[in-house]
Amino acid sequence: MRILLDENLDWRLRRDLPGELVESVPLIGWEGTKNGELPRKAVESGFDILVTMDGNLVHQQNIARQKLAVVALRASTSRLADTRPLMAQLLAMLPRIKPGTLTFLELGSST
């Protein structure tokens, strides 16, 4: 599974997703890519999941038409300390994530 962390997330989250190929928008040189272009680039580059803090992405994109799943994290901030606890839940739900879906993930939510 190839996972792309949006630029609004700390790249160090990839350490909490062992066994998965995880890249970060800034680390691959895509910082500043507009939300409309990012899902397209992600699909073209072979990513399966985009993880973001941008819950408005669903209003900006037709996710159902994408060959990409989007997981929007709900945390008090995008700081590593606030988003890291969500990685265990993300790992647990990976086998069930389907392309073209948007999933909101918050601490304590059922997956």
C-alpha atoms as a PDB file:
ATOM      1  CA  MET A   1       0.000   0.000   0.000  1.00  0.00           C
ATOM      2  CA  ARG A   2       1.426   3.410  -0.985  1.00  0.00           C
ATOM      3  CA  ILE A   3       0.453   6.253   1.320  1.00  0.00           C
ATOM      4  CA  LEU A   4       1.010   9.963   0.767  1.00  0.00           C
ATOM      5  CA  LEU A   5       1.069  12.337   3.732  1.00  0.00           C
ATOM      6  CA  ASP A   6      -0.185  15.807   2.825  1.00  0.00           C
ATOM      7  CA  GLU A   7       2.091  18.768   3.501  1.00  0.00           C
ATOM      8  CA  ASN A   8      -0.046  19.757   6.487  1.00  0.00           C
ATOM      9  CA  LEU A   9       1.196  16.649   8.338  1.00  0.00           C
ATOM     10  CA  ASP A  10       4.586  15.950   9.881  1.00  0.00           C
ATOM     11  CA  TRP A  11       6.635  13.613   7.678  1.00  0.00           C
ATOM     12  CA  ARG A  12       7.720  11.694  10.791  1.00  0.00           C
ATOM     13  CA  LEU A  13       4.274  10.065  10.921  1.00  0.00           C
ATOM     14  CA  ARG A  14       5.567   7.608   8.348  1.00  0.00           C
ATOM     15  CA  ARG A  15       7.608   5.984  11.126  1.00  0.00           C
ATOM     16  CA  ASP A  16       4.312   4.969  12.728  1.00  0.00           C
ATOM     17  CA  LEU A  17       3.144   3.115   9.620  1.00  0.00           C
ATOM     18  CA  PRO A  18       5.584   0.183   9.449  1.00  0.00           C
ATOM     19  CA  GLY A  19       5.291  -2.164   6.532  1.00  0.00           C
ATOM     20  CA  GLU A  20       3.758   0.494   4.288  1.00  0.00           C
ATOM     21  CA  LEU A  21       5.449   2.667   1.676  1.00  0.00           C
ATOM     22  CA  VAL A  22       4.838   6.163   3.006  1.00  0.00           C
ATOM     23  CA  GLU A  23       5.971   9.421   1.418  1.00  0.00           C
ATOM     24  CA  SER A  24       5.402  13.030   2.382  1.00  0.00           C
ATOM     25  CA  VAL A  25       4.439  15.831   0.002  1.00  0.00           C
ATOM     26  CA  PRO A  26       7.386  18.051   1.041  1.00  0.00           C
ATOM     27  CA  LEU A  27       9.908  15.205   0.966  1.00  0.00           C
ATOM     28  CA  ILE A  28       9.072  14.361  -2.648  1.00  0.00           C
ATOM     29  CA  GLY A  29       9.126  18.012  -3.702  1.00  0.00           C
ATOM     30  CA  TRP A  30       5.396  18.567  -4.169  1.00  0.00           C
ATOM     31  CA  GLU A  31       4.935  21.299  -1.544  1.00  0.00           C
ATOM     32  CA  GLY A  32       2.630  24.043  -2.727  1.00  0.00           C
ATOM     33  CA  THR A  33       0.696  21.663  -4.998  1.00  0.00           C
ATOM     34  CA  LYS A  34      -2.930  22.794  -5.085  1.00  0.00           C
ATOM     35  CA  ASN A  35      -5.593  20.489  -3.652  1.00  0.00           C
ATOM     36  CA  GLY A  36      -7.110  20.076  -7.107  1.00  0.00           C
ATOM     37  CA  GLU A  37      -3.854  18.821  -8.531  1.00  0.00           C
ATOM     38  CA  LEU A  38      -2.586  16.767  -5.594  1.00  0.00           C
ATOM     39  CA  PRO A  39      -5.005  13.811  -5.900  1.00  0.00           C
ATOM     40  CA  ARG A  40      -4.298  13.587  -9.638  1.00  0.00           C
ATOM     41  CA  LYS A  41      -0.532  13.594  -9.096  1.00  0.00           C
ATOM     42  CA  ALA A  42      -0.892  11.037  -6.318  1.00  0.00           C
ATOM     43  CA  VAL A  43      -2.851   8.653  -8.553  1.00  0.00           C
ATOM     44  CA  GLU A  44      -0.435   9.114 -11.459  1.00  0.00           C
ATOM     45  CA  SER A  45       2.455   8.312  -9.116  1.00  0.00           C
ATOM     46  CA  GLY A  46       0.829   5.127  -7.844  1.00  0.00           C
ATOM     47  CA  PHE A  47      -0.337   6.202  -4.397  1.00  0.00           C
ATOM     48  CA  ASP A  48      -3.343   4.389  -2.929  1.00  0.00           C
ATOM     49  CA  ILE A  49      -4.149   6.677   0.010  1.00  0.00           C
ATOM     50  CA  LEU A  50      -3.799  10.387   0.713  1.00  0.00           C
ATOM     51  CA  VAL A  51      -3.715  11.266   4.424  1.00  0.00           C
ATOM     52  CA  THR A  52      -4.514  14.892   5.218  1.00  0.00           C
ATOM     53  CA  MET A  53      -5.821  17.262   7.865  1.00  0.00           C
ATOM     54  CA  ASP A  54      -7.847  19.068   5.185  1.00  0.00           C
ATOM     55  CA  GLY A  55     -11.448  18.030   5.817  1.00  0.00           C
ATOM     56  CA  ASN A  56     -12.590  20.461   3.122  1.00  0.00           C
ATOM     57  CA  LEU A  57     -10.980  18.349   0.431  1.00  0.00           C
ATOM     58  CA  VAL A  58     -14.282  16.510   0.005  1.00  0.00           C
ATOM     59  CA  HIS A  59     -15.946  19.787  -0.980  1.00  0.00           C
ATOM     60  CA  GLN A  60     -13.155  20.681  -3.395  1.00  0.00           C
ATOM     61  CA  GLN A  61     -12.827  17.316  -5.133  1.00  0.00           C
ATOM     62  CA  ASN A  62     -15.070  14.542  -6.350  1.00  0.00           C
ATOM     63  CA  ILE A  63     -13.331  11.846  -4.319  1.00  0.00           C
ATOM     64  CA  ALA A  64     -15.662   9.119  -5.601  1.00  0.00           C
ATOM     65  CA  ARG A  65     -14.180   9.539  -9.080  1.00  0.00           C
ATOM     66  CA  GLN A  66     -10.586   9.127  -7.870  1.00  0.00           C
ATOM     67  CA  LYS A  67      -8.582   5.905  -7.823  1.00  0.00           C
ATOM     68  CA  LEU A  68      -7.385   7.122  -4.470  1.00  0.00           C
ATOM     69  CA  ALA A  69      -8.743   6.862  -0.948  1.00  0.00           C
ATOM     70  CA  VAL A  70      -8.553   9.935   1.261  1.00  0.00           C
ATOM     71  CA  VAL A  71      -8.232   9.795   5.039  1.00  0.00           C
ATOM     72  CA  ALA A  72      -8.838  13.117   6.794  1.00  0.00           C
ATOM     73  CA  LEU A  73      -7.439  13.203  10.296  1.00  0.00           C
ATOM     74  CA  ARG A  74      -9.386  15.019  12.975  1.00  0.00           C
ATOM     75  CA  ALA A  75      -7.034  16.196  15.691  1.00  0.00           C
ATOM     76  CA  SER A  76      -6.804  19.389  17.706  1.00  0.00           C
ATOM     77  CA  THR A  77      -3.743  20.450  15.660  1.00  0.00           C
ATOM     78  CA  SER A  78      -1.555  19.016  12.925  1.00  0.00           C
ATOM     79  CA  ARG A  79       1.355  18.729  15.364  1.00  0.00           C
ATOM     80  CA  LEU A  80       3.013  15.339  15.582  1.00  0.00           C
ATOM     81  CA  ALA A  81       1.942  14.893  19.207  1.00  0.00           C
ATOM     82  CA  ASP A  82      -1.721  15.346  18.214  1.00  0.00           C
ATOM     83  CA  THR A  83      -1.739  13.256  15.025  1.00  0.00           C
ATOM     84  CA  ARG A  84       0.589  10.403  16.021  1.00  0.00           C
ATOM     85  CA  PRO A  85      -2.067   8.714  18.239  1.00  0.00           C
ATOM     86  CA  LEU A  86      -4.253   8.289  15.127  1.00  0.00           C
ATOM     87  CA  MET A  87      -1.687   6.169  13.272  1.00  0.00           C
ATOM     88  CA  ALA A  88      -2.603   2.929  15.065  1.00  0.00           C
ATOM     89  CA  GLN A  89      -6.217   3.377  13.962  1.00  0.00           C
ATOM     90  CA  LEU A  90      -5.076   4.156  10.421  1.00  0.00           C
ATOM     91  CA  LEU A  91      -2.983   0.972  10.318  1.00  0.00           C
ATOM     92  CA  ALA A  92      -5.934  -1.077  11.546  1.00  0.00           C
ATOM     93  CA  MET A  93      -8.253   0.276   8.867  1.00  0.00           C
ATOM     94  CA  LEU A  94      -5.860  -0.020   5.889  1.00  0.00           C
ATOM     95  CA  PRO A  95      -7.137  -3.445   4.744  1.00  0.00           C
ATOM     96  CA  ARG A  96     -10.679  -2.064   4.467  1.00  0.00           C
ATOM     97  CA  ILE A  97      -9.992   1.251   2.725  1.00  0.00           C
ATOM     98  CA  LYS A  98     -11.388   1.422  -0.803  1.00  0.00           C
ATOM     99  CA  PRO A  99     -10.439   3.778  -3.643  1.00  0.00           C
ATOM    100  CA  GLY A 100     -12.808   6.685  -4.123  1.00  0.00           C
ATOM    101  CA  THR A 101     -13.714   6.980  -0.453  1.00  0.00           C
ATOM    102  CA  LEU A 102     -13.203   9.676   2.144  1.00  0.00           C
ATOM    103  CA  THR A 103     -12.799   8.590   5.741  1.00  0.00           C
ATOM    104  CA  PHE A 104     -12.629  10.923   8.719  1.00  0.00           C
ATOM    105  CA  LEU A 105     -10.452   9.551  11.483  1.00  0.00           C
ATOM    106  CA  GLU A 106     -10.426  10.860  15.032  1.00  0.00           C
ATOM    107  CA  LEU A 107      -9.110   9.441  18.254  1.00  0.00           C
ATOM    108  CA  GLY A 108     -11.518   6.884  19.621  1.00  0.00           C
ATOM    109  CA  SER A 109     -13.563   6.596  16.409  1.00  0.00           C
ATOM    110  CA  SER A 110     -14.435   3.103  15.270  1.00  0.00           C
ATOM    111  CA  THR A 111     -12.734   1.886  12.107  1.00  0.00           C
END
